[in-house]
Amino acid sequence: MAKKFPMNRIKANRVYDVWEIAQALGCHKQTVIRWINNKDLVAETSRKPWLIEGKDLKAFLGARQTKIATNLALHHCYCLGCKSPREPDGKMADYMQQTPETGRLTGLCPECGSLMHKVVRRTDLEAIRPKIEVAVQKASPRLVSPADTRSNVTMQQEGQTHGKTQQG
């Protein structure tokens, strides 16, 4: 997944070199050089050091962030393999409750077959169900339930104390 860089550290009226951009954004200088070599970021490369105008850098980062952000329809999940939103394969998904209000919607990608996940509100399930078939899975039980507490203490060990005893 692409990293979101802090645009507020870049001043539009200033000119930066590769090293200054890398320091301001908290990335490696090779990342900035790759952006320039791919012709994504406009820079003056006729002499060294390469210079980049702040307004061009802000425009590049803004376009990059809008490309990263995707608004999903309620019945779509984001596939990390394909890097795009998709409807689950066969229009089927599973819903596993995580908190009282939310749960995880899980389905298969129709293109690459990998698992896709999306956190949805329980109240949104009724809006999702007309578009895809949702099977509600039982939430996994806790590892140790309060009703079934087991002890490692045997009857022979009960009389022993592990701390200092007071003698009076």
N, C-alpha and C. Protein backbone atom coordinates (compact mmCIF):
# COMPACT_ATOMS: atom_id res chain seq x y z
N MET A 1 0.84 -1.17 0.00
CA MET A 1 0.00 0.00 0.00
C MET A 1 0.89 1.24 0.00
N ALA A 2 0.53 2.24 -0.75
CA ALA A 2 1.33 3.44 -0.88
C ALA A 2 1.26 4.26 0.41
N LYS A 3 2.36 4.87 0.73
CA LYS A 3 2.45 5.67 1.95
C LYS A 3 1.87 7.05 1.72
N LYS A 4 1.19 7.57 2.73
CA LYS A 4 0.63 8.91 2.66
C LYS A 4 1.64 9.87 3.29
N PHE A 5 2.13 10.82 2.53
CA PHE A 5 3.16 11.73 3.01
C PHE A 5 2.54 13.03 3.50
N PRO A 6 3.15 13.67 4.51
CA PRO A 6 2.61 14.92 5.07
C PRO A 6 2.87 16.11 4.16
N MET A 7 1.82 16.57 3.48
CA MET A 7 1.96 17.70 2.54
C MET A 7 2.18 19.02 3.25
N ASN A 8 1.79 19.11 4.52
CA ASN A 8 1.91 20.38 5.23
C ASN A 8 3.37 20.76 5.52
N ARG A 9 4.31 19.84 5.34
CA ARG A 9 5.72 20.14 5.54
C ARG A 9 6.36 20.79 4.32
N ILE A 10 5.64 20.84 3.22
CA ILE A 10 6.17 21.40 1.97
C ILE A 10 5.59 22.80 1.76
N LYS A 11 6.46 23.75 1.50
CA LYS A 11 6.05 25.14 1.23
C LYS A 11 6.02 25.35 -0.29
N ALA A 12 4.92 25.91 -0.78
CA ALA A 12 4.73 26.06 -2.23
C ALA A 12 5.70 27.05 -2.87
N ASN A 13 6.15 28.04 -2.13
CA ASN A 13 7.00 29.09 -2.70
C ASN A 13 8.49 28.78 -2.58
N ARG A 14 8.85 27.62 -2.13
CA ARG A 14 10.25 27.27 -1.91
C ARG A 14 10.73 26.29 -2.98
N VAL A 15 12.04 26.25 -3.21
CA VAL A 15 12.65 25.30 -4.14
C VAL A 15 13.44 24.30 -3.30
N TYR A 16 13.25 23.01 -3.59
CA TYR A 16 13.87 21.94 -2.82
C TYR A 16 14.82 21.13 -3.68
N ASP A 17 15.81 20.51 -3.04
CA ASP A 17 16.59 19.50 -3.73
C ASP A 17 16.11 18.13 -3.24
N VAL A 18 16.64 17.07 -3.81
CA VAL A 18 16.17 15.71 -3.52
C VAL A 18 16.32 15.38 -2.04
N TRP A 19 17.48 15.73 -1.48
CA TRP A 19 17.74 15.41 -0.08
C TRP A 19 16.78 16.13 0.86
N GLU A 20 16.47 17.41 0.59
CA GLU A 20 15.54 18.17 1.44
C GLU A 20 14.14 17.59 1.39
N ILE A 21 13.72 17.15 0.22
CA ILE A 21 12.38 16.53 0.10
C ILE A 21 12.34 15.24 0.89
N ALA A 22 13.37 14.42 0.77
CA ALA A 22 13.41 13.16 1.50
C ALA A 22 13.35 13.39 3.01
N GLN A 23 14.07 14.39 3.50
CA GLN A 23 14.03 14.69 4.92
C GLN A 23 12.67 15.22 5.35
N ALA A 24 12.08 16.10 4.55
CA ALA A 24 10.78 16.69 4.91
C ALA A 24 9.66 15.65 4.91
N LEU A 25 9.71 14.72 3.98
CA LEU A 25 8.64 13.72 3.87
C LEU A 25 8.91 12.46 4.68
N GLY A 26 10.13 12.30 5.16
CA GLY A 26 10.46 11.11 5.93
C GLY A 26 10.59 9.87 5.07
N CYS A 27 11.12 10.03 3.86
CA CYS A 27 11.31 8.90 2.96
C CYS A 27 12.78 8.86 2.53
N HIS A 28 13.14 7.87 1.76
CA HIS A 28 14.51 7.74 1.28
C HIS A 28 14.69 8.63 0.04
N LYS A 29 15.90 9.13 -0.15
CA LYS A 29 16.14 10.01 -1.31
C LYS A 29 15.97 9.25 -2.63
N GLN A 30 16.19 7.91 -2.60
CA GLN A 30 16.00 7.10 -3.80
C GLN A 30 14.53 7.09 -4.22
N THR A 31 13.62 7.22 -3.26
CA THR A 31 12.19 7.30 -3.58
C THR A 31 11.90 8.55 -4.40
N VAL A 32 12.46 9.67 -3.98
CA VAL A 32 12.27 10.94 -4.70
C VAL A 32 12.90 10.85 -6.09
N ILE A 33 14.07 10.26 -6.19
CA ILE A 33 14.74 10.10 -7.49
C ILE A 33 13.90 9.21 -8.41
N ARG A 34 13.28 8.16 -7.87
CA ARG A 34 12.42 7.29 -8.68
C ARG A 34 11.21 8.06 -9.21
N TRP A 35 10.62 8.93 -8.36
CA TRP A 35 9.50 9.75 -8.80
C TRP A 35 9.92 10.63 -9.98
N ILE A 36 11.12 11.18 -9.92
CA ILE A 36 11.62 12.07 -10.98
C ILE A 36 11.92 11.25 -12.24
N ASN A 37 12.58 10.11 -12.09
CA ASN A 37 12.94 9.28 -13.24
C ASN A 37 11.71 8.71 -13.95
N ASN A 38 10.63 8.44 -13.21
CA ASN A 38 9.39 7.94 -13.81
C ASN A 38 8.57 9.05 -14.45
N LYS A 39 9.08 10.27 -14.41
CA LYS A 39 8.40 11.45 -14.96
C LYS A 39 7.09 11.76 -14.22
N ASP A 40 6.98 11.31 -12.97
CA ASP A 40 5.80 11.63 -12.16
C ASP A 40 5.97 13.00 -11.50
N LEU A 41 7.19 13.29 -11.09
CA LEU A 41 7.49 14.55 -10.41
C LEU A 41 8.35 15.41 -11.33
N VAL A 42 7.92 16.66 -11.55
CA VAL A 42 8.64 17.58 -12.42
C VAL A 42 9.83 18.14 -11.66
N ALA A 43 11.02 18.07 -12.29
CA ALA A 43 12.23 18.58 -11.66
C ALA A 43 13.17 19.14 -12.72
N GLU A 44 14.04 20.04 -12.29
CA GLU A 44 15.09 20.59 -13.14
C GLU A 44 16.29 19.68 -12.99
N THR A 45 16.53 18.84 -14.02
CA THR A 45 17.60 17.84 -13.94
C THR A 45 18.78 18.15 -14.85
N SER A 46 18.84 19.36 -15.42
CA SER A 46 19.93 19.70 -16.34
C SER A 46 21.26 19.88 -15.62
N ARG A 47 21.22 20.20 -14.33
CA ARG A 47 22.45 20.33 -13.55
C ARG A 47 22.18 19.82 -12.14
N LYS A 48 23.28 19.58 -11.42
CA LYS A 48 23.14 19.05 -10.06
C LYS A 48 23.34 20.17 -9.06
N PRO A 49 22.66 20.22 -7.96
CA PRO A 49 21.64 19.27 -7.51
C PRO A 49 20.33 19.49 -8.26
N TRP A 50 19.56 18.39 -8.40
CA TRP A 50 18.26 18.49 -9.04
C TRP A 50 17.35 19.34 -8.17
N LEU A 51 16.63 20.25 -8.80
CA LEU A 51 15.77 21.17 -8.05
C LEU A 51 14.30 20.92 -8.38
N ILE A 52 13.48 20.98 -7.36
CA ILE A 52 12.04 20.76 -7.50
C ILE A 52 11.32 21.93 -6.84
N GLU A 53 10.39 22.51 -7.55
CA GLU A 53 9.60 23.60 -6.99
C GLU A 53 8.58 23.03 -6.03
N GLY A 54 8.33 23.78 -4.96
CA GLY A 54 7.39 23.35 -3.94
C GLY A 54 5.98 23.16 -4.47
N LYS A 55 5.55 24.05 -5.38
CA LYS A 55 4.18 23.93 -5.93
C LYS A 55 4.04 22.66 -6.76
N ASP A 56 5.11 22.27 -7.49
CA ASP A 56 5.06 21.03 -8.27
C ASP A 56 5.03 19.81 -7.35
N LEU A 57 5.79 19.86 -6.28
CA LEU A 57 5.80 18.76 -5.32
C LEU A 57 4.45 18.61 -4.63
N LYS A 58 3.84 19.74 -4.23
CA LYS A 58 2.52 19.68 -3.60
C LYS A 58 1.48 19.13 -4.56
N ALA A 59 1.54 19.53 -5.84
CA ALA A 59 0.60 19.02 -6.84
C ALA A 59 0.79 17.51 -7.03
N PHE A 60 2.04 17.05 -7.07
CA PHE A 60 2.33 15.64 -7.22
C PHE A 60 1.79 14.84 -6.03
N LEU A 61 2.06 15.31 -4.82
CA LEU A 61 1.59 14.60 -3.62
C LEU A 61 0.07 14.61 -3.53
N GLY A 62 -0.55 15.72 -3.91
CA GLY A 62 -2.02 15.78 -3.90
C GLY A 62 -2.63 14.80 -4.87
N ALA A 63 -2.08 14.71 -6.08
CA ALA A 63 -2.59 13.76 -7.08
C ALA A 63 -2.36 12.33 -6.61
N ARG A 64 -1.24 12.10 -5.95
CA ARG A 64 -0.92 10.76 -5.45
C ARG A 64 -1.89 10.34 -4.35
N GLN A 65 -2.26 11.27 -3.46
CA GLN A 65 -3.17 10.94 -2.37
C GLN A 65 -4.59 10.70 -2.87
N THR A 66 -5.04 11.45 -3.88
CA THR A 66 -6.38 11.19 -4.40
C THR A 66 -6.42 9.86 -5.15
N LYS A 67 -5.27 9.46 -5.71
CA LYS A 67 -5.19 8.16 -6.38
C LYS A 67 -5.25 7.04 -5.35
N ILE A 68 -4.65 7.25 -4.18
CA ILE A 68 -4.64 6.25 -3.12
C ILE A 68 -6.03 6.07 -2.52
N ALA A 69 -6.71 7.19 -2.24
CA ALA A 69 -8.01 7.13 -1.57
C ALA A 69 -9.07 6.62 -2.54
N THR A 70 -9.80 5.60 -2.11
CA THR A 70 -10.90 5.08 -2.91
C THR A 70 -12.13 4.96 -2.03
N ASN A 71 -13.24 5.41 -2.55
CA ASN A 71 -14.50 5.26 -1.86
C ASN A 71 -15.16 3.99 -2.35
N LEU A 72 -15.44 3.10 -1.43
CA LEU A 72 -16.02 1.82 -1.79
C LEU A 72 -17.53 1.87 -1.66
N ALA A 73 -18.21 1.18 -2.57
CA ALA A 73 -19.64 0.97 -2.40
C ALA A 73 -19.80 0.03 -1.21
N LEU A 74 -20.98 0.03 -0.59
CA LEU A 74 -21.20 -0.81 0.59
C LEU A 74 -20.92 -2.28 0.33
N HIS A 75 -21.25 -2.76 -0.87
CA HIS A 75 -21.10 -4.19 -1.15
C HIS A 75 -19.76 -4.54 -1.80
N HIS A 76 -18.85 -3.58 -1.91
CA HIS A 76 -17.51 -3.84 -2.47
C HIS A 76 -16.49 -3.98 -1.36
N CYS A 77 -15.47 -4.78 -1.61
CA CYS A 77 -14.31 -4.91 -0.75
C CYS A 77 -13.09 -4.53 -1.57
N TYR A 78 -12.02 -4.14 -0.90
CA TYR A 78 -10.80 -3.74 -1.60
C TYR A 78 -9.86 -4.93 -1.69
N CYS A 79 -9.44 -5.27 -2.91
CA CYS A 79 -8.51 -6.38 -3.12
C CYS A 79 -7.09 -5.81 -3.11
N LEU A 80 -6.27 -6.29 -2.18
CA LEU A 80 -4.89 -5.82 -2.11
C LEU A 80 -4.04 -6.36 -3.25
N GLY A 81 -4.41 -7.53 -3.78
CA GLY A 81 -3.67 -8.10 -4.90
C GLY A 81 -3.89 -7.32 -6.19
N CYS A 82 -5.13 -7.01 -6.49
CA CYS A 82 -5.47 -6.27 -7.71
C CYS A 82 -5.37 -4.75 -7.52
N LYS A 83 -5.34 -4.31 -6.27
CA LYS A 83 -5.31 -2.89 -5.92
C LYS A 83 -6.51 -2.13 -6.49
N SER A 84 -7.69 -2.73 -6.33
CA SER A 84 -8.91 -2.07 -6.78
C SER A 84 -10.11 -2.62 -6.02
N PRO A 85 -11.19 -1.82 -5.94
CA PRO A 85 -12.40 -2.32 -5.28
C PRO A 85 -13.13 -3.31 -6.17
N ARG A 86 -13.63 -4.36 -5.56
CA ARG A 86 -14.34 -5.40 -6.33
C ARG A 86 -15.51 -5.94 -5.52
N GLU A 87 -16.49 -6.44 -6.27
CA GLU A 87 -17.60 -7.17 -5.65
C GLU A 87 -17.11 -8.60 -5.40
N PRO A 88 -17.41 -9.20 -4.25
CA PRO A 88 -16.93 -10.56 -3.98
C PRO A 88 -17.40 -11.56 -5.04
N ASP A 89 -16.57 -12.57 -5.27
CA ASP A 89 -16.85 -13.60 -6.26
C ASP A 89 -18.13 -14.34 -5.92
N GLY A 90 -18.99 -14.55 -6.90
CA GLY A 90 -20.25 -15.24 -6.70
C GLY A 90 -21.26 -14.44 -5.91
N LYS A 91 -20.97 -13.16 -5.70
CA LYS A 91 -21.82 -12.28 -4.90
C LYS A 91 -22.11 -12.89 -3.53
N MET A 92 -21.06 -13.51 -2.93
CA MET A 92 -21.21 -14.12 -1.61
C MET A 92 -20.10 -13.61 -0.71
N ALA A 93 -20.44 -13.37 0.55
CA ALA A 93 -19.46 -12.92 1.54
C ALA A 93 -19.87 -13.44 2.91
N ASP A 94 -18.91 -13.49 3.82
CA ASP A 94 -19.15 -13.88 5.20
C ASP A 94 -19.01 -12.65 6.08
N TYR A 95 -19.82 -12.61 7.14
CA TYR A 95 -19.76 -11.51 8.10
C TYR A 95 -19.45 -12.10 9.46
N MET A 96 -18.36 -11.62 10.09
CA MET A 96 -17.97 -12.07 11.42
C MET A 96 -18.03 -10.88 12.37
N GLN A 97 -18.85 -10.98 13.42
CA GLN A 97 -19.01 -9.90 14.39
C GLN A 97 -17.70 -9.71 15.15
N GLN A 98 -17.23 -8.46 15.29
CA GLN A 98 -16.01 -8.16 16.02
C GLN A 98 -16.30 -7.38 17.29
N THR A 99 -17.11 -6.37 17.19
CA THR A 99 -17.54 -5.58 18.34
C THR A 99 -19.07 -5.57 18.30
N PRO A 100 -19.72 -5.03 19.31
CA PRO A 100 -21.20 -4.98 19.24
C PRO A 100 -21.73 -4.18 18.05
N GLU A 101 -20.94 -3.22 17.54
CA GLU A 101 -21.42 -2.38 16.43
C GLU A 101 -20.84 -2.78 15.07
N THR A 102 -19.66 -3.38 15.02
CA THR A 102 -19.00 -3.63 13.74
C THR A 102 -18.59 -5.09 13.58
N GLY A 103 -18.29 -5.43 12.34
CA GLY A 103 -17.81 -6.76 12.02
C GLY A 103 -17.00 -6.73 10.74
N ARG A 104 -16.45 -7.87 10.36
CA ARG A 104 -15.60 -7.97 9.18
C ARG A 104 -16.34 -8.73 8.08
N LEU A 105 -16.44 -8.10 6.92
CA LEU A 105 -17.02 -8.72 5.73
C LEU A 105 -15.86 -9.32 4.94
N THR A 106 -15.93 -10.62 4.63
CA THR A 106 -14.85 -11.32 3.95
C THR A 106 -15.40 -12.00 2.71
N GLY A 107 -14.69 -11.85 1.59
CA GLY A 107 -15.07 -12.49 0.35
C GLY A 107 -13.85 -12.78 -0.50
N LEU A 108 -14.06 -13.48 -1.60
CA LEU A 108 -12.97 -13.81 -2.53
C LEU A 108 -12.99 -12.85 -3.71
N CYS A 109 -11.80 -12.48 -4.16
CA CYS A 109 -11.68 -11.61 -5.33
C CYS A 109 -11.99 -12.43 -6.58
N PRO A 110 -12.86 -11.93 -7.48
CA PRO A 110 -13.17 -12.67 -8.70
C PRO A 110 -12.02 -12.70 -9.70
N GLU A 111 -11.06 -11.77 -9.59
CA GLU A 111 -9.95 -11.71 -10.54
C GLU A 111 -8.77 -12.60 -10.13
N CYS A 112 -8.29 -12.41 -8.89
CA CYS A 112 -7.08 -13.12 -8.47
C CYS A 112 -7.34 -14.21 -7.44
N GLY A 113 -8.53 -14.28 -6.87
CA GLY A 113 -8.87 -15.34 -5.93
C GLY A 113 -8.38 -15.11 -4.51
N SER A 114 -7.79 -13.97 -4.21
CA SER A 114 -7.32 -13.72 -2.85
C SER A 114 -8.46 -13.25 -1.96
N LEU A 115 -8.25 -13.35 -0.65
CA LEU A 115 -9.26 -12.90 0.30
C LEU A 115 -9.32 -11.38 0.35
N MET A 116 -10.54 -10.87 0.42
CA MET A 116 -10.76 -9.43 0.57
C MET A 116 -11.51 -9.22 1.87
N HIS A 117 -11.16 -8.17 2.60
CA HIS A 117 -11.79 -7.88 3.88
C HIS A 117 -12.28 -6.44 3.88
N LYS A 118 -13.34 -6.21 4.68
CA LYS A 118 -13.84 -4.86 4.86
C LYS A 118 -14.56 -4.81 6.20
N VAL A 119 -14.30 -3.79 6.99
CA VAL A 119 -15.00 -3.60 8.26
C VAL A 119 -16.27 -2.82 7.97
N VAL A 120 -17.40 -3.37 8.38
CA VAL A 120 -18.69 -2.72 8.15
C VAL A 120 -19.48 -2.67 9.46
N ARG A 121 -20.41 -1.74 9.52
CA ARG A 121 -21.29 -1.65 10.68
C ARG A 121 -22.38 -2.71 10.57
N ARG A 122 -22.80 -3.18 11.69
CA ARG A 122 -23.87 -4.19 11.72
C ARG A 122 -25.16 -3.63 11.11
N THR A 123 -25.41 -2.35 11.29
CA THR A 123 -26.62 -1.73 10.74
C THR A 123 -26.59 -1.66 9.22
N ASP A 124 -25.40 -1.69 8.61
CA ASP A 124 -25.29 -1.62 7.14
C ASP A 124 -25.54 -2.97 6.47
N LEU A 125 -25.63 -4.04 7.24
CA LEU A 125 -25.84 -5.36 6.64
C LEU A 125 -27.14 -5.43 5.83
N GLU A 126 -28.18 -4.78 6.31
CA GLU A 126 -29.46 -4.82 5.59
C GLU A 126 -29.37 -4.11 4.25
N ALA A 127 -28.53 -3.09 4.13
CA ALA A 127 -28.33 -2.40 2.85
C ALA A 127 -27.43 -3.21 1.92
N ILE A 128 -26.56 -4.05 2.48
CA ILE A 128 -25.64 -4.87 1.68
C ILE A 128 -26.33 -6.11 1.14
N ARG A 129 -27.23 -6.69 1.92
CA ARG A 129 -27.85 -7.98 1.55
C ARG A 129 -28.60 -7.99 0.23
N PRO A 130 -29.25 -6.93 -0.22
CA PRO A 130 -29.89 -7.00 -1.54
C PRO A 130 -28.88 -7.12 -2.69
N LYS A 131 -27.65 -6.66 -2.49
CA LYS A 131 -26.64 -6.69 -3.56
C LYS A 131 -25.84 -8.00 -3.56
N ILE A 132 -25.46 -8.50 -2.36
CA ILE A 132 -24.70 -9.75 -2.26
C ILE A 132 -25.29 -10.60 -1.14
N GLU A 133 -25.06 -11.89 -1.23
CA GLU A 133 -25.53 -12.82 -0.21
C GLU A 133 -24.52 -12.83 0.94
N VAL A 134 -25.00 -12.51 2.15
CA VAL A 134 -24.12 -12.42 3.30
C VAL A 134 -24.48 -13.52 4.28
N ALA A 135 -23.48 -14.36 4.62
CA ALA A 135 -23.66 -15.40 5.63
C ALA A 135 -23.05 -14.89 6.92
N VAL A 136 -23.86 -14.79 7.97
CA VAL A 136 -23.39 -14.31 9.26
C VAL A 136 -22.77 -15.49 10.00
N GLN A 137 -21.47 -15.36 10.30
CA GLN A 137 -20.74 -16.41 11.00
C GLN A 137 -20.81 -16.16 12.50
N LYS A 138 -20.77 -17.23 13.26
CA LYS A 138 -20.77 -17.11 14.71
C LYS A 138 -19.42 -16.57 15.16
N ALA A 139 -19.44 -15.62 16.07
CA ALA A 139 -18.20 -15.02 16.56
C ALA A 139 -17.41 -16.07 17.32
N SER A 140 -16.09 -16.00 17.21
CA SER A 140 -15.24 -16.97 17.89
C SER A 140 -15.32 -16.78 19.40
N PRO A 141 -15.42 -17.89 20.16
CA PRO A 141 -15.52 -17.76 21.62
C PRO A 141 -14.19 -17.32 22.21
N ARG A 142 -14.25 -16.84 23.43
CA ARG A 142 -13.02 -16.44 24.11
C ARG A 142 -12.18 -17.65 24.41
N LEU A 143 -10.90 -17.42 24.58
CA LEU A 143 -10.00 -18.53 24.88
C LEU A 143 -10.34 -19.18 26.22
N VAL A 144 -10.62 -18.39 27.22
CA VAL A 144 -11.02 -18.91 28.53
C VAL A 144 -12.31 -18.21 28.92
N SER A 145 -13.37 -18.97 29.05
CA SER A 145 -14.65 -18.38 29.43
C SER A 145 -14.75 -18.37 30.95
N PRO A 146 -15.48 -17.41 31.53
CA PRO A 146 -15.59 -17.34 32.98
C PRO A 146 -16.28 -18.56 33.58
N ALA A 147 -17.16 -19.23 32.84
CA ALA A 147 -17.88 -20.38 33.37
C ALA A 147 -16.98 -21.61 33.45
N ASP A 148 -15.95 -21.69 32.65
CA ASP A 148 -15.10 -22.87 32.60
C ASP A 148 -13.66 -22.49 32.97
N THR A 149 -13.48 -22.10 34.23
CA THR A 149 -12.13 -21.76 34.66
C THR A 149 -11.45 -23.01 35.20
N ARG A 150 -10.30 -23.29 34.69
CA ARG A 150 -9.55 -24.46 35.12
C ARG A 150 -8.36 -23.99 35.93
N SER A 151 -7.98 -24.82 36.88
CA SER A 151 -6.87 -24.46 37.74
C SER A 151 -5.79 -25.51 37.61
N ASN A 152 -4.56 -25.10 37.69
CA ASN A 152 -3.44 -26.03 37.65
C ASN A 152 -3.04 -26.51 39.04
N VAL A 153 -3.78 -26.10 40.05
CA VAL A 153 -3.46 -26.46 41.41
C VAL A 153 -4.09 -27.81 41.72
N THR A 154 -3.30 -28.73 42.22
CA THR A 154 -3.84 -30.03 42.64
C THR A 154 -4.06 -30.00 44.14
N MET A 155 -4.69 -31.05 44.65
CA MET A 155 -5.01 -31.10 46.07
C MET A 155 -3.75 -31.12 46.93
N GLN A 156 -2.67 -31.71 46.47
CA GLN A 156 -1.45 -31.78 47.27
C GLN A 156 -0.77 -30.41 47.32
N GLN A 157 -0.96 -29.59 46.32
CA GLN A 157 -0.29 -28.30 46.28
C GLN A 157 -1.05 -27.23 47.04
N GLU A 158 -2.31 -27.44 47.37
CA GLU A 158 -3.13 -26.40 47.99
C GLU A 158 -2.59 -25.95 49.33
N GLY A 159 -2.02 -26.86 50.10
CA GLY A 159 -1.56 -26.50 51.43
C GLY A 159 -0.28 -25.69 51.41
N GLN A 160 0.46 -25.71 50.34
CA GLN A 160 1.74 -25.00 50.28
C GLN A 160 1.49 -23.51 50.00
N THR A 161 2.34 -22.70 50.61
CA THR A 161 2.29 -21.27 50.32
C THR A 161 3.58 -20.88 49.60
N HIS A 162 3.46 -19.91 48.77
CA HIS A 162 4.61 -19.50 47.99
C HIS A 162 5.21 -18.20 48.50
N GLY A 163 4.61 -17.59 49.47
CA GLY A 163 5.12 -16.33 49.99
C GLY A 163 5.64 -16.49 51.40
N LYS A 164 6.10 -15.42 51.94
CA LYS A 164 6.58 -15.45 53.32
C LYS A 164 5.39 -15.54 54.26
N THR A 165 5.53 -16.28 55.31
CA THR A 165 4.45 -16.37 56.30
C THR A 165 4.86 -15.59 57.52
N GLN A 166 3.89 -14.94 58.14
CA GLN A 166 4.18 -14.18 59.35
C GLN A 166 4.07 -15.09 60.56
N GLN A 167 4.99 -14.99 61.41
CA GLN A 167 4.92 -15.75 62.66
C GLN A 167 4.69 -14.76 63.78
N GLY A 168 3.73 -15.08 64.62
CA GLY A 168 3.39 -14.07 65.56
C GLY A 168 3.62 -14.36 66.90
